[in-house]
Amino acid sequence: MYEETSTRSVVKALSWRVFATLTTTGLIFAFTGRLDLAITVGVVEAAAKMALYFAHERLWNRFGFGRKPVHQALAASEKLAS
């Protein structure tokens, strides 16, 4: 069994964002035939979704739903492993 590193999670998040933005850009181009509009929408979409995701994460940090306390020794050993 493997544990993901933070670096792997960041790379996966960035690759997903690139893939999703290219999909949006491609769809806009396919429907309109305008590359300038497709690129503009792609850039705005990426920026908006990153900002909204950040706000979403910060909001969820205010709630304890689904969280369990972690035993101090377990937390310390996991921190040393990463």
PDB file of N, CA and C in Angstrom:
ATOM      1  N   MET A   1       0.846  -1.171   0.000  1.00  0.00           N
ATOM      2  CA  MET A   1       0.000   0.000   0.000  1.00  0.00           C
ATOM      3  C   MET A   1       0.896   1.240   0.000  1.00  0.00           C
ATOM      4  N   TYR A   2       0.497   2.239  -0.743  1.00  0.00           N
ATOM      5  CA  TYR A   2       1.280   3.462  -0.874  1.00  0.00           C
ATOM      6  C   TYR A   2       0.529   4.657  -0.319  1.00  0.00           C
ATOM      7  N   GLU A   3       1.289   5.641   0.098  1.00  0.00           N
ATOM      8  CA  GLU A   3       0.726   6.910   0.546  1.00  0.00           C
ATOM      9  C   GLU A   3       1.192   7.984  -0.425  1.00  0.00           C
ATOM     10  N   GLU A   4       0.281   8.837  -0.853  1.00  0.00           N
ATOM     11  CA  GLU A   4       0.645   9.903  -1.776  1.00  0.00           C
ATOM     12  C   GLU A   4       1.411  11.003  -1.061  1.00  0.00           C
ATOM     13  N   THR A   5       2.453  11.485  -1.723  1.00  0.00           N
ATOM     14  CA  THR A   5       3.163  12.640  -1.194  1.00  0.00           C
ATOM     15  C   THR A   5       2.417  13.904  -1.601  1.00  0.00           C
ATOM     16  N   SER A   6       2.721  14.993  -0.936  1.00  0.00           N
ATOM     17  CA  SER A   6       2.116  16.280  -1.290  1.00  0.00           C
ATOM     18  C   SER A   6       2.504  16.687  -2.703  1.00  0.00           C
ATOM     19  N   THR A   7       3.743  16.402  -3.083  1.00  0.00           N
ATOM     20  CA  THR A   7       4.206  16.751  -4.428  1.00  0.00           C
ATOM     21  C   THR A   7       3.377  16.027  -5.483  1.00  0.00           C
ATOM     22  N   ARG A   8       3.123  14.744  -5.272  1.00  0.00           N
ATOM     23  CA  ARG A   8       2.303  13.977  -6.219  1.00  0.00           C
ATOM     24  C   ARG A   8       0.898  14.579  -6.314  1.00  0.00           C
ATOM     25  N   SER A   9       0.321  14.963  -5.187  1.00  0.00           N
ATOM     26  CA  SER A   9      -1.023  15.555  -5.192  1.00  0.00           C
ATOM     27  C   SER A   9      -1.049  16.873  -5.955  1.00  0.00           C
ATOM     28  N   VAL A  10      -0.012  17.685  -5.782  1.00  0.00           N
ATOM     29  CA  VAL A  10       0.061  18.965  -6.500  1.00  0.00           C
ATOM     30  C   VAL A  10       0.184  18.730  -8.000  1.00  0.00           C
ATOM     31  N   VAL A  11       1.047  17.797  -8.399  1.00  0.00           N
ATOM     32  CA  VAL A  11       1.226  17.501  -9.824  1.00  0.00           C
ATOM     33  C   VAL A  11      -0.074  16.962 -10.420  1.00  0.00           C
ATOM     34  N   LYS A  12      -0.769  16.094  -9.690  1.00  0.00           N
ATOM     35  CA  LYS A  12      -2.043  15.567 -10.175  1.00  0.00           C
ATOM     36  C   LYS A  12      -3.077  16.687 -10.313  1.00  0.00           C
ATOM     37  N   ALA A  13      -3.126  17.589  -9.349  1.00  0.00           N
ATOM     38  CA  ALA A  13      -4.081  18.704  -9.410  1.00  0.00           C
ATOM     39  C   ALA A  13      -3.785  19.606 -10.611  1.00  0.00           C
ATOM     40  N   LEU A  14      -2.507  19.895 -10.824  1.00  0.00           N
ATOM     41  CA  LEU A  14      -2.138  20.739 -11.970  1.00  0.00           C
ATOM     42  C   LEU A  14      -2.435  20.050 -13.298  1.00  0.00           C
ATOM     43  N   SER A  15      -2.135  18.757 -13.399  1.00  0.00           N
ATOM     44  CA  SER A  15      -2.398  18.050 -14.653  1.00  0.00           C
ATOM     45  C   SER A  15      -3.898  17.982 -14.922  1.00  0.00           C
ATOM     46  N   TRP A  16      -4.696  17.795 -13.880  1.00  0.00           N
ATOM     47  CA  TRP A  16      -6.148  17.781 -14.058  1.00  0.00           C
ATOM     48  C   TRP A  16      -6.649  19.148 -14.517  1.00  0.00           C
ATOM     49  N   ARG A  17      -6.133  20.213 -13.911  1.00  0.00           N
ATOM     50  CA  ARG A  17      -6.573  21.563 -14.284  1.00  0.00           C
ATOM     51  C   ARG A  17      -6.226  21.846 -15.736  1.00  0.00           C
ATOM     52  N   VAL A  18      -5.039  21.453 -16.185  1.00  0.00           N
ATOM     53  CA  VAL A  18      -4.648  21.648 -17.585  1.00  0.00           C
ATOM     54  C   VAL A  18      -5.592  20.865 -18.494  1.00  0.00           C
ATOM     55  N   PHE A  19      -5.831  19.602 -18.167  1.00  0.00           N
ATOM     56  CA  PHE A  19      -6.717  18.757 -18.968  1.00  0.00           C
ATOM     57  C   PHE A  19      -8.128  19.353 -19.038  1.00  0.00           C
ATOM     58  N   ALA A  20      -8.667  19.760 -17.901  1.00  0.00           N
ATOM     59  CA  ALA A  20     -10.022  20.313 -17.856  1.00  0.00           C
ATOM     60  C   ALA A  20     -10.114  21.620 -18.634  1.00  0.00           C
ATOM     61  N   THR A  21      -9.106  22.476 -18.511  1.00  0.00           N
ATOM     62  CA  THR A  21      -9.111  23.756 -19.234  1.00  0.00           C
ATOM     63  C   THR A  21      -8.989  23.534 -20.736  1.00  0.00           C
ATOM     64  N   LEU A  22      -8.150  22.596 -21.144  1.00  0.00           N
ATOM     65  CA  LEU A  22      -8.036  22.284 -22.573  1.00  0.00           C
ATOM     66  C   LEU A  22      -9.352  21.721 -23.112  1.00  0.00           C
ATOM     67  N   THR A  23     -10.050  20.943 -22.305  1.00  0.00           N
ATOM     68  CA  THR A  23     -11.354  20.419 -22.708  1.00  0.00           C
ATOM     69  C   THR A  23     -12.346  21.559 -22.924  1.00  0.00           C
ATOM     70  N   THR A  24     -12.408  22.481 -21.975  1.00  0.00           N
ATOM     71  CA  THR A  24     -13.300  23.631 -22.108  1.00  0.00           C
ATOM     72  C   THR A  24     -12.939  24.457 -23.337  1.00  0.00           C
ATOM     73  N   THR A  25     -11.656  24.726 -23.504  1.00  0.00           N
ATOM     74  CA  THR A  25     -11.190  25.512 -24.652  1.00  0.00           C
ATOM     75  C   THR A  25     -11.553  24.818 -25.962  1.00  0.00           C
ATOM     76  N   GLY A  26     -11.339  23.526 -26.021  1.00  0.00           N
ATOM     77  CA  GLY A  26     -11.675  22.760 -27.221  1.00  0.00           C
ATOM     78  C   GLY A  26     -13.157  22.781 -27.539  1.00  0.00           C
ATOM     79  N   LEU A  27     -13.981  22.656 -26.512  1.00  0.00           N
ATOM     80  CA  LEU A  27     -15.427  22.697 -26.720  1.00  0.00           C
ATOM     81  C   LEU A  27     -15.892  24.066 -27.216  1.00  0.00           C
ATOM     82  N   ILE A  28     -15.355  25.118 -26.613  1.00  0.00           N
ATOM     83  CA  ILE A  28     -15.730  26.472 -27.054  1.00  0.00           C
ATOM     84  C   ILE A  28     -15.324  26.673 -28.508  1.00  0.00           C
ATOM     85  N   PHE A  29     -14.122  26.224 -28.863  1.00  0.00           N
ATOM     86  CA  PHE A  29     -13.670  26.353 -30.253  1.00  0.00           C
ATOM     87  C   PHE A  29     -14.557  25.531 -31.194  1.00  0.00           C
ATOM     88  N   ALA A  30     -14.918  24.317 -30.777  1.00  0.00           N
ATOM     89  CA  ALA A  30     -15.757  23.448 -31.610  1.00  0.00           C
ATOM     90  C   ALA A  30     -17.133  24.076 -31.864  1.00  0.00           C
ATOM     91  N   PHE A  31     -17.690  24.749 -30.875  1.00  0.00           N
ATOM     92  CA  PHE A  31     -19.015  25.338 -31.027  1.00  0.00           C
ATOM     93  C   PHE A  31     -18.998  26.691 -31.730  1.00  0.00           C
ATOM     94  N   THR A  32     -17.919  27.451 -31.560  1.00  0.00           N
ATOM     95  CA  THR A  32     -17.896  28.805 -32.122  1.00  0.00           C
ATOM     96  C   THR A  32     -16.954  28.955 -33.307  1.00  0.00           C
ATOM     97  N   GLY A  33     -15.936  28.110 -33.382  1.00  0.00           N
ATOM     98  CA  GLY A  33     -14.934  28.261 -34.434  1.00  0.00           C
ATOM     99  C   GLY A  33     -13.997  29.437 -34.212  1.00  0.00           C
ATOM    100  N   ARG A  34     -14.064  30.041 -33.027  1.00  0.00           N
ATOM    101  CA  ARG A  34     -13.242  31.216 -32.712  1.00  0.00           C
ATOM    102  C   ARG A  34     -12.183  30.840 -31.679  1.00  0.00           C
ATOM    103  N   LEU A  35     -10.932  30.823 -32.112  1.00  0.00           N
ATOM    104  CA  LEU A  35      -9.829  30.476 -31.225  1.00  0.00           C
ATOM    105  C   LEU A  35      -9.627  31.546 -30.152  1.00  0.00           C
ATOM    106  N   ASP A  36      -9.784  32.823 -30.514  1.00  0.00           N
ATOM    107  CA  ASP A  36      -9.612  33.901 -29.528  1.00  0.00           C
ATOM    108  C   ASP A  36     -10.613  33.770 -28.387  1.00  0.00           C
ATOM    109  N   LEU A  37     -11.856  33.487 -28.716  1.00  0.00           N
ATOM    110  CA  LEU A  37     -12.890  33.315 -27.694  1.00  0.00           C
ATOM    111  C   LEU A  37     -12.609  32.066 -26.857  1.00  0.00           C
ATOM    112  N   ALA A  38     -12.201  30.993 -27.505  1.00  0.00           N
ATOM    113  CA  ALA A  38     -11.920  29.744 -26.797  1.00  0.00           C
ATOM    114  C   ALA A  38     -10.799  29.926 -25.780  1.00  0.00           C
ATOM    115  N   ILE A  39      -9.740  30.609 -26.177  1.00  0.00           N
ATOM    116  CA  ILE A  39      -8.611  30.833 -25.265  1.00  0.00           C
ATOM    117  C   ILE A  39      -9.021  31.750 -24.120  1.00  0.00           C
ATOM    118  N   THR A  40      -9.763  32.802 -24.428  1.00  0.00           N
ATOM    119  CA  THR A  40     -10.231  33.721 -23.384  1.00  0.00           C
ATOM    120  C   THR A  40     -11.086  32.991 -22.363  1.00  0.00           C
ATOM    121  N   VAL A  41     -12.049  32.211 -22.838  1.00  0.00           N
ATOM    122  CA  VAL A  41     -12.915  31.454 -21.929  1.00  0.00           C
ATOM    123  C   VAL A  41     -12.086  30.459 -21.127  1.00  0.00           C
ATOM    124  N   GLY A  42     -11.132  29.791 -21.765  1.00  0.00           N
ATOM    125  CA  GLY A  42     -10.285  28.825 -21.066  1.00  0.00           C
ATOM    126  C   GLY A  42      -9.501  29.461 -19.926  1.00  0.00           C
ATOM    127  N   VAL A  43      -8.923  30.632 -20.179  1.00  0.00           N
ATOM    128  CA  VAL A  43      -8.140  31.332 -19.147  1.00  0.00           C
ATOM    129  C   VAL A  43      -9.045  31.795 -18.004  1.00  0.00           C
ATOM    130  N   VAL A  44     -10.174  32.392 -18.355  1.00  0.00           N
ATOM    131  CA  VAL A  44     -11.108  32.877 -17.328  1.00  0.00           C
ATOM    132  C   VAL A  44     -11.654  31.702 -16.521  1.00  0.00           C
ATOM    133  N   GLU A  45     -11.991  30.611 -17.212  1.00  0.00           N
ATOM    134  CA  GLU A  45     -12.515  29.414 -16.545  1.00  0.00           C
ATOM    135  C   GLU A  45     -11.500  28.861 -15.549  1.00  0.00           C
ATOM    136  N   ALA A  46     -10.247  28.762 -15.950  1.00  0.00           N
ATOM    137  CA  ALA A  46      -9.214  28.218 -15.064  1.00  0.00           C
ATOM    138  C   ALA A  46      -9.031  29.100 -13.831  1.00  0.00           C
ATOM    139  N   ALA A  47      -8.937  30.400 -14.029  1.00  0.00           N
ATOM    140  CA  ALA A  47      -8.748  31.324 -12.907  1.00  0.00           C
ATOM    141  C   ALA A  47      -9.954  31.291 -11.964  1.00  0.00           C
ATOM    142  N   ALA A  48     -11.148  31.318 -12.536  1.00  0.00           N
ATOM    143  CA  ALA A  48     -12.364  31.315 -11.710  1.00  0.00           C
ATOM    144  C   ALA A  48     -12.482  30.024 -10.907  1.00  0.00           C
ATOM    145  N   LYS A  49     -12.220  28.901 -11.543  1.00  0.00           N
ATOM    146  CA  LYS A  49     -12.361  27.627 -10.834  1.00  0.00           C
ATOM    147  C   LYS A  49     -11.307  27.451  -9.751  1.00  0.00           C
ATOM    148  N   MET A  50     -10.102  27.950  -9.972  1.00  0.00           N
ATOM    149  CA  MET A  50      -9.089  27.866  -8.915  1.00  0.00           C
ATOM    150  C   MET A  50      -9.479  28.741  -7.723  1.00  0.00           C
ATOM    151  N   ALA A  51      -9.975  29.941  -8.001  1.00  0.00           N
ATOM    152  CA  ALA A  51     -10.405  30.838  -6.918  1.00  0.00           C
ATOM    153  C   ALA A  51     -11.599  30.254  -6.170  1.00  0.00           C
ATOM    154  N   LEU A  52     -12.554  29.718  -6.900  1.00  0.00           N
ATOM    155  CA  LEU A  52     -13.727  29.117  -6.257  1.00  0.00           C
ATOM    156  C   LEU A  52     -13.350  27.876  -5.452  1.00  0.00           C
ATOM    157  N   TYR A  53     -12.420  27.082  -5.959  1.00  0.00           N
ATOM    158  CA  TYR A  53     -11.985  25.906  -5.215  1.00  0.00           C
ATOM    159  C   TYR A  53     -11.295  26.319  -3.911  1.00  0.00           C
ATOM    160  N   PHE A  54     -10.450  27.340  -3.979  1.00  0.00           N
ATOM    161  CA  PHE A  54      -9.779  27.845  -2.780  1.00  0.00           C
ATOM    162  C   PHE A  54     -10.817  28.294  -1.746  1.00  0.00           C
ATOM    163  N   ALA A  55     -11.805  29.071  -2.194  1.00  0.00           N
ATOM    164  CA  ALA A  55     -12.863  29.541  -1.283  1.00  0.00           C
ATOM    165  C   ALA A  55     -13.641  28.353  -0.717  1.00  0.00           C
ATOM    166  N   HIS A  56     -13.921  27.371  -1.541  1.00  0.00           N
ATOM    167  CA  HIS A  56     -14.633  26.169  -1.115  1.00  0.00           C
ATOM    168  C   HIS A  56     -13.851  25.429  -0.028  1.00  0.00           C
ATOM    169  N   GLU A  57     -12.547  25.269  -0.236  1.00  0.00           N
ATOM    170  CA  GLU A  57     -11.698  24.602   0.750  1.00  0.00           C
ATOM    171  C   GLU A  57     -11.667  25.373   2.067  1.00  0.00           C
ATOM    172  N   ARG A  58     -11.527  26.686   1.985  1.00  0.00           N
ATOM    173  CA  ARG A  58     -11.467  27.500   3.207  1.00  0.00           C
ATOM    174  C   ARG A  58     -12.788  27.422   3.960  1.00  0.00           C
ATOM    175  N   LEU A  59     -13.900  27.389   3.243  1.00  0.00           N
ATOM    176  CA  LEU A  59     -15.210  27.259   3.884  1.00  0.00           C
ATOM    177  C   LEU A  59     -15.329  25.906   4.585  1.00  0.00           C
ATOM    178  N   TRP A  60     -14.904  24.832   3.919  1.00  0.00           N
ATOM    179  CA  TRP A  60     -14.974  23.505   4.520  1.00  0.00           C
ATOM    180  C   TRP A  60     -14.088  23.394   5.751  1.00  0.00           C
ATOM    181  N   ASN A  61     -13.017  24.171   5.831  1.00  0.00           N
ATOM    182  CA  ASN A  61     -12.153  24.145   7.014  1.00  0.00           C
ATOM    183  C   ASN A  61     -12.863  24.651   8.252  1.00  0.00           C
ATOM    184  N   ARG A  62     -13.950  25.349   8.079  1.00  0.00           N
ATOM    185  CA  ARG A  62     -14.712  25.875   9.218  1.00  0.00           C
ATOM    186  C   ARG A  62     -15.618  24.822   9.861  1.00  0.00           C
ATOM    187  N   PHE A  63     -15.827  23.713   9.169  1.00  0.00           N
ATOM    188  CA  PHE A  63     -16.733  22.676   9.658  1.00  0.00           C
ATOM    189  C   PHE A  63     -15.969  21.437  10.083  1.00  0.00           C
ATOM    190  N   GLY A  64     -16.457  20.789  11.130  1.00  0.00           N
ATOM    191  CA  GLY A  64     -15.806  19.584  11.624  1.00  0.00           C
ATOM    192  C   GLY A  64     -16.367  18.307  11.020  1.00  0.00           C
ATOM    193  N   PHE A  65     -17.347  18.430  10.139  1.00  0.00           N
ATOM    194  CA  PHE A  65     -17.998  17.265   9.550  1.00  0.00           C
ATOM    195  C   PHE A  65     -16.975  16.320   8.905  1.00  0.00           C
ATOM    196  N   GLY A  66     -17.023  15.046   9.309  1.00  0.00           N
ATOM    197  CA  GLY A  66     -16.174  14.029   8.705  1.00  0.00           C
ATOM    198  C   GLY A  66     -14.737  14.007   9.189  1.00  0.00           C
ATOM    199  N   ARG A  67     -14.419  14.791  10.185  1.00  0.00           N
ATOM    200  CA  ARG A  67     -13.059  14.804  10.725  1.00  0.00           C
ATOM    201  C   ARG A  67     -12.980  13.934  11.962  1.00  0.00           C
ATOM    202  N   LYS A  68     -11.834  13.296  12.126  1.00  0.00           N
ATOM    203  CA  LYS A  68     -11.565  12.515  13.329  1.00  0.00           C
ATOM    204  C   LYS A  68     -10.279  13.040  13.928  1.00  0.00           C
ATOM    205  N   PRO A  69     -10.210  13.101  15.243  1.00  0.00           N
ATOM    206  CA  PRO A  69      -8.940  13.490  15.860  1.00  0.00           C
ATOM    207  C   PRO A  69      -7.877  12.434  15.569  1.00  0.00           C
ATOM    208  N   VAL A  70      -6.663  12.888  15.345  1.00  0.00           N
ATOM    209  CA  VAL A  70      -5.543  11.984  15.078  1.00  0.00           C
ATOM    210  C   VAL A  70      -4.708  11.882  16.342  1.00  0.00           C
ATOM    211  N   HIS A  71      -4.368  10.666  16.704  1.00  0.00           N
ATOM    212  CA  HIS A  71      -3.536  10.445  17.878  1.00  0.00           C
ATOM    213  C   HIS A  71      -2.184  11.117  17.664  1.00  0.00           C
ATOM    214  N   GLN A  72      -1.634  11.777  18.673  1.00  0.00           N
ATOM    215  CA  GLN A  72      -0.390  12.547  18.560  1.00  0.00           C
ATOM    216  C   GLN A  72       0.769  11.707  18.012  1.00  0.00           C
ATOM    217  N   ALA A  73       0.939  10.493  18.502  1.00  0.00           N
ATOM    218  CA  ALA A  73       2.063   9.652  18.063  1.00  0.00           C
ATOM    219  C   ALA A  73       1.916   9.292  16.588  1.00  0.00           C
ATOM    220  N   LEU A  74       0.702   9.002  16.150  1.00  0.00           N
ATOM    221  CA  LEU A  74       0.460   8.672  14.747  1.00  0.00           C
ATOM    222  C   LEU A  74       0.736   9.886  13.860  1.00  0.00           C
ATOM    223  N   ALA A  75       0.284  11.036  14.286  1.00  0.00           N
ATOM    224  CA  ALA A  75       0.505  12.267  13.515  1.00  0.00           C
ATOM    225  C   ALA A  75       1.994  12.563  13.402  1.00  0.00           C
ATOM    226  N   ALA A  76       2.733  12.398  14.487  1.00  0.00           N
ATOM    227  CA  ALA A  76       4.171  12.666  14.477  1.00  0.00           C
ATOM    228  C   ALA A  76       4.911  11.694  13.559  1.00  0.00           C
ATOM    229  N   SER A  77       4.534  10.420  13.578  1.00  0.00           N
ATOM    230  CA  SER A  77       5.205   9.439  12.725  1.00  0.00           C
ATOM    231  C   SER A  77       4.904   9.692  11.258  1.00  0.00           C
ATOM    232  N   GLU A  78       3.683  10.102  10.928  1.00  0.00           N
ATOM    233  CA  GLU A  78       3.329  10.422   9.540  1.00  0.00           C
ATOM    234  C   GLU A  78       4.079  11.656   9.060  1.00  0.00           C
ATOM    235  N   LYS A  79       4.258  12.614   9.953  1.00  0.00           N
ATOM    236  CA  LYS A  79       4.983  13.836   9.576  1.00  0.00           C
ATOM    237  C   LYS A  79       6.446  13.524   9.288  1.00  0.00           C
ATOM    238  N   LEU A  80       7.032  12.641  10.070  1.00  0.00           N
ATOM    239  CA  LEU A  80       8.419  12.256   9.849  1.00  0.00           C
ATOM    240  C   LEU A  80       8.574  11.468   8.549  1.00  0.00           C
ATOM    241  N   ALA A  81       7.563  10.690   8.181  1.00  0.00           N
ATOM    242  CA  ALA A  81       7.638   9.862   6.971  1.00  0.00           C
ATOM    243  C   ALA A  81       7.548  10.700   5.701  1.00  0.00           C
ATOM    244  N   SER A  82       6.950  11.870   5.773  1.00  0.00           N
ATOM    245  CA  SER A  82       6.793  12.681   4.547  1.00  0.00           C
ATOM    246  C   SER A  82       7.873  13.658   4.362  1.00  0.00           C
TER     247      SER A  82
END
